Protein backbone atom coordinates (compact mmCIF):
# COMPACT_ATOMS: atom_id res chain seq x y z
CA LYS A 1 42.56 -15.91 56.85
CA SER A 2 40.62 -18.82 55.13
CA GLU A 3 39.59 -16.19 52.37
CA ALA A 4 43.18 -14.93 51.80
CA ALA A 5 44.30 -18.60 51.56
CA ALA A 6 41.72 -19.36 48.88
CA GLU A 7 42.80 -16.21 46.67
CA PRO A 8 45.68 -17.68 44.75
CA LYS A 9 43.69 -20.68 43.53
CA ILE A 10 41.45 -18.56 41.29
CA GLU A 11 43.24 -17.93 38.04
CA ARG A 12 40.74 -16.73 35.52
CA THR A 13 41.17 -16.86 32.03
CA ALA A 14 41.14 -13.43 30.28
CA LEU A 15 38.03 -13.23 28.08
CA LEU A 16 36.39 -10.37 26.33
CA ASP A 17 32.60 -10.39 25.78
CA ILE A 18 30.73 -7.75 23.51
CA ARG A 19 27.15 -6.87 24.16
CA SER A 20 25.05 -4.39 22.17
CA SER A 21 21.95 -2.48 23.09
CA GLN A 22 20.31 -3.23 19.74
CA ASP A 23 20.45 -5.95 17.28
CA ILE A 24 23.77 -5.38 15.54
CA GLY A 25 22.42 -6.26 12.16
CA GLY A 26 19.70 -3.68 12.50
CA ILE A 27 20.65 -0.65 14.46
CA GLU A 28 18.02 2.14 13.78
CA ALA A 29 19.36 5.30 12.16
CA GLY A 30 19.00 8.37 14.37
CA SER A 31 19.15 6.30 17.59
CA THR A 32 22.22 6.06 19.95
CA PRO A 33 23.32 2.43 20.37
CA SER A 34 25.84 1.42 22.96
CA LEU A 35 28.39 -1.36 22.58
CA VAL A 36 29.71 -2.76 25.90
CA CYS A 37 32.88 -4.54 25.98
CA LYS A 38 33.65 -6.58 29.17
CA LEU A 39 36.96 -7.99 30.21
CA SER A 40 36.76 -10.99 32.72
CA VAL A 41 39.99 -9.94 34.53
CA PRO A 42 41.49 -6.60 35.55
CA GLY A 43 42.85 -4.45 32.88
CA GLN A 44 42.39 -1.64 30.46
CA ILE A 45 39.78 -1.57 27.61
CA TRP A 46 39.47 0.67 24.41
CA TRP A 47 37.43 0.69 21.23
CA SER A 48 38.66 1.55 17.70
CA THR A 49 37.62 1.46 14.13
CA GLY A 50 39.83 1.43 11.05
CA GLY A 51 42.87 1.88 13.17
CA ARG A 52 41.21 5.15 15.01
CA ASN A 53 40.71 5.19 18.71
CA LEU A 54 37.15 5.94 19.79
CA THR A 55 35.93 7.53 22.86
CA THR A 56 35.55 4.79 25.42
CA ILE A 57 33.47 5.38 28.63
CA LYS A 58 34.51 3.46 31.65
CA ASP A 59 31.26 2.43 33.45
CA PHE A 60 32.64 -0.14 35.68
CA GLU A 61 35.93 -1.76 36.36
CA PHE A 62 36.94 -4.03 33.41
CA MET A 63 34.22 -2.57 31.19
CA GLY A 64 34.43 -0.10 28.20
CA ARG A 65 31.28 1.35 26.53
CA LEU A 66 31.21 2.75 23.01
CA ASP A 67 28.23 5.21 22.30
CA ILE A 68 27.38 5.77 18.73
CA LYS A 69 25.51 9.01 18.77
CA LYS A 70 22.80 9.62 16.26
CA ALA A 71 23.74 6.40 14.18
CA SER A 72 23.74 6.89 10.46
CA ARG A 73 24.63 4.48 7.66
CA ASN A 74 28.12 5.83 7.68
CA ASP A 75 28.49 4.04 10.98
CA THR A 76 27.99 0.68 9.43
CA GLY A 77 31.30 -1.25 9.63
CA ASP A 78 33.70 -3.03 11.86
CA TYR A 79 34.61 -1.99 15.42
CA LYS A 80 37.27 -3.55 17.64
CA CYS A 81 37.38 -3.93 21.34
CA SER A 82 40.90 -4.06 22.52
CA ALA A 83 42.18 -4.99 26.05
CA LYS A 84 45.31 -5.18 28.06
CA THR A 85 45.26 -7.16 31.19
CA ALA A 86 47.13 -6.23 34.36
CA SER A 87 49.50 -9.00 33.66
CA GLY A 88 50.20 -7.57 30.24
CA GLU A 89 48.33 -9.93 28.07
CA LEU A 90 46.70 -8.32 24.92
CA LEU A 91 43.30 -9.26 23.66
CA GLU A 92 40.86 -8.07 20.92
CA LYS A 93 37.58 -8.80 19.59
CA ASN A 94 35.75 -7.52 16.41
CA ILE A 95 32.15 -6.93 15.96
CA HIS A 96 30.29 -5.74 12.58
CA ILE A 97 27.48 -3.54 13.03
CA ARG A 98 24.92 -2.50 10.26
CA VAL A 99 22.72 0.72 10.62
CA ILE A 100 19.30 0.47 8.93
CA GLU A 101 16.65 3.08 8.05
CA PRO A 102 12.92 1.92 8.77
CA GLY A 103 10.93 1.86 5.65
CA LYS A 104 8.54 4.53 4.86
CA ILE A 105 6.19 4.43 1.92
CA MET A 106 4.00 7.03 0.45
CA SER A 107 1.46 7.00 -2.46
CA ASP A 108 1.37 9.88 -4.95
CA GLY A 109 -2.49 9.61 -4.47
CA ASP A 110 -5.62 8.49 -6.29
CA VAL A 111 -5.62 8.70 -10.19
CA ARG A 112 -8.66 9.17 -12.54
CA ALA A 113 -8.56 8.16 -16.22
CA LYS A 114 -10.98 7.25 -18.88
CA VAL A 115 -11.37 3.67 -20.26
CA MET A 116 -8.75 2.99 -22.86
CA GLU A 117 -6.50 5.72 -21.67
CA ALA A 118 -3.05 5.11 -20.19
CA ALA A 119 -2.70 5.51 -16.42
CA SER A 120 -0.11 5.01 -13.75
CA LEU A 121 -0.13 4.87 -9.88
CA THR A 122 3.23 5.57 -8.03
CA CYS A 123 4.58 4.96 -4.52
CA ARG A 124 7.68 6.32 -2.98
CA VAL A 125 9.77 4.03 -0.69
CA HIS A 126 12.49 5.35 1.70
CA GLY A 127 14.60 3.17 3.82
CA TYR A 128 17.41 0.72 3.95
CA PRO A 129 17.65 -2.24 3.36
CA LEU A 130 14.55 -2.45 0.98
CA SER A 131 13.39 -5.46 -0.95
CA GLN A 132 10.41 -7.18 -2.49
CA PHE A 133 8.51 -4.46 -4.06
CA VAL A 134 5.08 -5.36 -5.32
CA TRP A 135 1.56 -4.21 -6.13
CA LEU A 136 -1.53 -5.78 -5.07
CA LYS A 137 -5.15 -5.21 -6.15
CA GLY A 138 -7.15 -4.88 -2.94
CA ASN A 139 -6.38 -7.59 -0.47
CA ASP A 140 -5.72 -10.20 -3.18
CA SER A 141 -2.29 -11.55 -2.52
CA GLU A 142 -2.36 -13.63 -5.68
CA SER A 143 -2.87 -10.39 -7.89
CA SER A 144 0.69 -9.67 -7.44
CA GLU A 145 1.84 -12.29 -10.00
CA HIS A 146 -0.44 -10.79 -12.67
CA LEU A 147 0.59 -7.02 -11.78
CA LYS A 148 4.11 -7.89 -11.98
CA ASN A 149 4.03 -7.33 -15.67
CA PHE A 150 2.81 -3.84 -15.10
CA THR A 151 5.24 -2.87 -12.42
CA SER A 152 8.30 -0.90 -12.75
CA VAL A 153 10.91 -0.39 -9.80
CA ALA A 154 13.42 2.47 -10.10
CA GLN A 155 16.17 2.75 -7.40
CA ILE A 156 16.94 6.36 -7.17
CA ASN A 157 19.71 5.72 -4.62
CA GLU A 158 20.47 3.33 -1.81
CA THR A 159 17.67 4.55 0.38
CA TYR A 160 14.92 5.68 -2.12
CA THR A 161 13.01 3.67 -4.65
CA VAL A 162 9.95 4.59 -6.80
CA LEU A 163 7.51 2.05 -7.57
CA THR A 164 5.10 2.47 -10.54
CA LEU A 165 2.20 0.51 -11.75
CA GLU A 166 1.51 1.32 -15.36
CA PHE A 167 -1.71 0.66 -17.37
CA LYS A 168 -1.26 1.12 -21.22
CA SER A 169 -5.20 0.95 -22.02
CA LEU A 170 -7.59 1.07 -19.12
CA ALA A 171 -10.44 -1.49 -18.87
CA ARG A 172 -13.41 -0.98 -16.54
CA LYS A 173 -12.18 -4.01 -14.48
CA ASP A 174 -9.07 -2.21 -13.62
CA ASN A 175 -10.99 0.13 -11.26
CA GLY A 176 -10.23 -0.39 -7.72
CA THR A 177 -7.80 0.03 -4.70
CA TYR A 178 -4.32 -0.95 -5.28
CA VAL A 179 -1.76 -1.67 -2.49
CA CYS A 180 2.00 -1.00 -3.05
CA GLN A 181 4.42 -2.68 -0.49
CA ALA A 182 8.00 -3.35 0.23
CA ASN A 183 9.97 -5.16 2.84
CA ASP A 184 12.27 -3.27 5.23
CA TYR A 185 14.39 -4.79 7.99
CA ASN A 186 11.54 -5.20 10.34
CA GLY A 187 8.86 -6.42 7.91
CA ILE A 188 6.15 -5.16 5.26
CA VAL A 189 5.52 -1.42 4.73
CA SER A 190 2.45 -0.53 2.56
CA ALA A 191 0.39 2.32 1.05
CA SER A 192 -2.67 2.46 -1.14
CA ALA A 193 -4.16 4.46 -4.01
CA HIS A 194 -7.44 4.22 -5.81
CA LEU A 195 -7.75 3.98 -9.56
CA PHE A 196 -11.07 5.38 -10.74
CA VAL A 197 -11.59 4.10 -14.30
CA ILE A 198 -14.15 6.63 -15.80
CA ASP A 199 -16.41 5.31 -18.44
CA VAL A 200 -20.08 5.87 -19.83
CA PRO A 201 -22.63 4.63 -17.27
CA LYS A 202 -24.24 1.01 -17.37
CA VAL A 203 -27.81 0.98 -16.40
CA SER A 204 -30.28 -2.02 -16.14
CA ILE A 205 -33.98 -2.18 -15.27
CA ASP A 206 -34.85 -4.24 -12.07
CA PHE A 207 -38.37 -4.02 -11.93
CA MET A 208 -41.51 -2.70 -13.75
CA LYS A 209 -45.05 -2.55 -12.59
CA ALA A 210 -48.22 -1.07 -14.20
CA VAL A 211 -49.58 1.24 -11.50
CA GLY A 212 -52.57 2.84 -13.33
CA ALA A 213 -54.38 3.04 -16.60
CA GLY A 214 -51.51 4.90 -18.45
CA SER A 215 -48.73 4.63 -15.72
CA ILE A 216 -45.62 2.32 -15.35
CA PHE A 217 -43.50 2.28 -12.33
CA LEU A 218 -39.85 1.67 -13.27
CA ASN A 219 -36.76 0.86 -10.92
CA TRP A 220 -33.36 0.35 -12.01
CA THR A 221 -29.65 -0.07 -11.04
CA VAL A 222 -26.70 2.03 -12.49
CA ASN A 223 -23.02 1.85 -12.57
CA ASP A 224 -22.11 5.61 -12.90
CA GLY A 225 -18.78 4.95 -14.51
CA ASN A 226 -17.21 6.98 -11.60
CA GLU A 227 -18.86 10.31 -12.83
CA PRO A 228 -22.26 11.73 -11.59
CA ILE A 229 -25.12 10.80 -13.71
CA LYS A 230 -26.66 13.93 -15.43
CA LYS A 231 -29.87 12.53 -16.77
CA TYR A 232 -31.78 9.55 -17.65
CA PHE A 233 -33.53 8.90 -20.93
CA ILE A 234 -36.44 6.59 -21.59
CA GLN A 235 -37.54 4.79 -24.67
CA HIS A 236 -40.65 2.76 -25.09
CA MET A 237 -42.08 0.66 -27.84
CA LYS A 238 -45.82 -0.10 -28.00
CA ASN A 239 -46.69 -3.79 -28.81
CA GLY A 240 -47.57 -4.30 -32.58
CA THR A 241 -45.26 -1.49 -33.75
CA ASP A 242 -41.60 -1.44 -34.31
CA GLN A 243 -41.09 2.22 -33.45
CA ARG A 244 -39.37 3.34 -30.51
CA GLN A 245 -40.16 6.73 -28.96
CA TYR A 246 -38.44 8.74 -26.43
CA TYR A 247 -40.38 9.55 -23.12
CA ALA A 248 -41.10 13.26 -23.23
CA GLU A 249 -39.45 14.08 -19.80
CA GLN A 250 -35.78 13.82 -18.85
CA ILE A 251 -35.34 12.05 -15.56
CA GLY A 252 -32.85 13.71 -13.10
CA GLY A 253 -29.49 11.78 -12.35
CA GLY A 254 -30.34 11.51 -8.64
CA ASN A 255 -33.29 9.06 -9.28
CA SER A 256 -33.25 5.36 -9.22
CA SER A 257 -36.99 4.73 -9.77
CA TYR A 258 -39.67 6.73 -11.46
CA VAL A 259 -43.37 6.65 -12.42
CA LEU A 260 -43.88 6.93 -16.21
CA LYS A 261 -47.04 8.56 -17.31
CA GLY A 262 -49.13 9.33 -20.52
CA PHE A 263 -49.21 5.57 -21.83
CA GLU A 264 -52.42 4.02 -23.50
CA SER A 265 -54.50 2.03 -20.97
CA GLY A 266 -54.69 -1.77 -21.42
CA THR A 267 -51.64 -1.81 -23.81
CA ALA A 268 -48.24 -3.71 -23.64
CA TYR A 269 -44.86 -1.88 -23.93
CA GLN A 270 -41.31 -2.58 -23.87
CA ILE A 271 -39.21 -0.07 -21.81
CA GLY A 272 -35.47 0.95 -22.20
CA ILE A 273 -33.41 3.40 -20.24
CA SER A 274 -29.98 5.07 -20.80
CA ALA A 275 -28.03 7.32 -18.60
CA THR A 276 -25.46 10.02 -19.33
CA ASN A 277 -22.44 11.35 -17.43
CA VAL A 278 -19.62 13.62 -18.54
CA VAL A 279 -18.01 10.82 -20.72
CA GLY A 280 -21.30 10.10 -22.60
CA ALA A 281 -24.45 8.01 -22.82
CA SER A 282 -24.82 4.42 -21.98
CA TYR A 283 -26.13 1.88 -24.53
CA MET A 284 -30.01 2.12 -24.90
CA GLN A 285 -31.46 -1.42 -24.88
CA LEU A 286 -34.90 -2.25 -24.49
CA ASP A 287 -35.89 -4.55 -21.78
CA PRO A 288 -37.22 -7.93 -23.32
CA ARG A 289 -40.07 -7.93 -20.86
CA TRP A 290 -43.53 -6.56 -21.85
CA ILE A 291 -45.57 -4.67 -19.43
CA THR A 292 -49.21 -4.05 -19.84
CA THR A 293 -50.86 -0.99 -18.39
CA LEU A 294 -54.12 -1.24 -16.54
CA GLU A 295 -57.30 -0.76 -18.14
CA LYS A 296 -58.40 1.83 -15.54
């Protein structure tokens, strides 16, 4: 009896509460989000959009659920939950949802081009919404400012953007890995591509040592200009003359050291080295050091 006596005192205010299974500002395309509308008192609930009633699923008393099957960006918009209480009171509450497409970014791949030629790197970005399109060189975040001048952003449609990095005349220093990135709803998406700047090689002598009466050991470092070294050529000049001579043998591209033979004993020489690849030959410069062969 005491319970029955307490009943009339409970007069709850009629309220509507909407809950969403996903963040309403970032519902993922292709997913099936649920919007649940809850009435605090007995009554009927229904969902609508643009004046059109939608299929409302009654999970529990006083609750109406709207499932958006395979959400697409067409589902972005305003949805209304309406309710009629048992006592005839009408309530409504609106909610705005936005359907997003997670960002996907793909590079068109690595590019090879010669010094002083034009070249471009391209990335294709799909998603919605997308913003902050940038290129970086390697992991250097500060490089984006400089690369802005070479960047073009073409928005093909609302969900597809093409990002291009264009070089009008390549320099050797442009060689390296570049990262294209964009921001989608959840954060940064990125891809990378390598730009191989092709040039003649650069070669420098590291170490020379006389190893016999007529022999000199030579060790060198080469930057191959991103193409395999075909051959090395050696020049030498005897002290007291001003005539350079080519060493009789051509040295294979796989070497980085060699014993040169056939020199006069007890004589000082200057040595120079040049390398060739498909682009051409490196500059031949005699090393300023003099190396004297042993007497015997």
